[in-house]
Protein backbone atom coordinates (compact mmCIF):
# COMPACT_ATOMS: atom_id res chain seq x y z
CA MET A 1 10.97 -12.89 24.36
CA GLY A 2 8.32 -10.75 22.39
CA LEU A 3 8.87 -7.22 24.70
CA VAL A 4 12.44 -7.13 25.47
CA ALA A 5 12.76 -7.58 21.32
CA ARG A 6 10.82 -4.21 21.48
CA GLU A 7 12.47 -2.35 23.80
CA GLN A 8 15.69 -2.96 22.28
CA GLY A 9 14.12 -1.55 18.62
CA TYR A 10 12.29 -4.27 17.44
CA GLN A 11 8.96 -3.02 15.76
CA ASP A 12 8.23 -6.16 13.07
CA LYS A 13 6.43 -8.79 14.02
CA LEU A 14 7.04 -10.87 16.57
CA GLU A 15 7.25 -13.89 14.51
CA GLY A 16 9.92 -12.17 13.08
CA LEU A 17 12.29 -13.25 16.10
CA PHE A 18 11.86 -17.14 14.67
CA ILE A 19 14.79 -16.26 12.36
CA PRO A 20 18.26 -16.52 13.93
CA GLU A 21 19.83 -13.14 12.70
CA VAL A 22 17.47 -11.32 13.95
CA ASN A 23 16.95 -13.40 16.62
CA ILE A 24 21.38 -13.52 17.06
CA LEU A 25 21.13 -9.82 16.56
CA TYR A 26 18.41 -8.56 19.48
CA GLY A 27 19.87 -10.90 21.73
CA CYS A 28 23.40 -9.22 21.42
CA ILE A 29 21.53 -5.71 21.64
CA TYR A 30 20.18 -6.97 24.16
CA LEU A 31 23.39 -8.71 26.25
CA GLY A 32 25.42 -5.49 25.59
CA LYS A 33 22.37 -3.30 27.25
CA LEU A 34 23.39 -4.90 29.84
CA SER A 35 27.37 -6.02 29.75
CA ARG A 36 26.84 -2.13 30.36
CA ARG A 37 24.87 -1.95 33.35
CA TYR A 38 26.87 -4.99 34.76
CA ARG A 39 30.65 -5.86 34.95
CA LYS A 40 30.59 -9.26 35.95
CA MET A 41 29.68 -11.98 33.50
CA GLU A 42 27.90 -13.96 35.89
CA GLU A 43 25.92 -11.07 37.08
CA ILE A 44 25.06 -10.54 32.88
CA ILE A 45 24.50 -13.61 31.81
CA ALA A 46 21.77 -13.35 34.68
CA ALA A 47 20.46 -11.28 34.14
CA TYR A 48 19.99 -12.00 31.04
CA ASN A 49 18.16 -15.56 31.32
CA GLU A 50 15.69 -13.95 34.99
CA GLY A 51 15.23 -10.53 34.16
CA SER A 52 17.98 -9.34 36.59
CA ALA A 53 20.91 -10.09 38.91
CA ARG A 54 19.01 -11.04 42.45
CA LYS A 55 20.16 -13.10 45.16
CA THR A 56 19.11 -14.89 46.87
CA THR A 57 20.20 -14.36 51.01
CA ASP A 58 23.25 -16.58 50.66
CA GLY A 59 24.72 -14.59 47.74
CA LEU A 60 24.05 -16.75 45.03
CA PHE A 61 21.77 -15.80 41.33
CA VAL A 62 17.83 -17.23 41.88
CA ASN A 63 19.13 -18.57 39.19
CA GLN A 64 22.50 -20.67 39.70
CA GLY A 65 21.73 -23.53 37.94
CA TYR A 66 21.79 -21.45 34.82
CA VAL A 67 24.41 -19.92 35.45
CA ASP A 68 27.10 -22.02 36.45
CA LYS A 69 25.99 -24.26 33.13
CA ALA A 70 26.81 -21.05 31.18
CA VAL A 71 29.67 -20.01 32.50
CA LYS A 72 30.61 -23.69 31.59
CA ASN A 73 29.41 -23.92 28.60
CA TYR A 74 31.36 -20.83 27.84
CA ASN A 75 35.00 -22.33 29.24
CA LEU A 76 34.76 -24.68 27.25
CA THR A 77 34.36 -22.85 24.04
CA ARG A 78 36.75 -20.93 25.19
CA LYS A 79 39.31 -23.98 25.29
CA GLU A 80 38.68 -24.82 20.92
CA VAL A 81 39.29 -21.03 19.79
C-alpha cells in the first residue's frame, strides 16, 4: 500500500494513508494510471489487486476470484444508480 502510494506522489507519513479521504485520493490516482495502461475493466481490477493483469495458462487472471467479486459488486451498484 505504501509503495504504491509513494509511486503516485504521496510524501507524508504512511499512517496518513489510514485517513479515508487520503486513501481514496491515492487509490483513484492509481486507478487512473491503470486505466490508461489497460483498456478492459477486468484487467484494471486485476492489476489494482495483484500489481499486474497476469493470466494463467487457461486464460484466467491469477486473482480471478477477486476480479469476479469486484465486477459483480460493480454491476450491483450500477443497477442501484
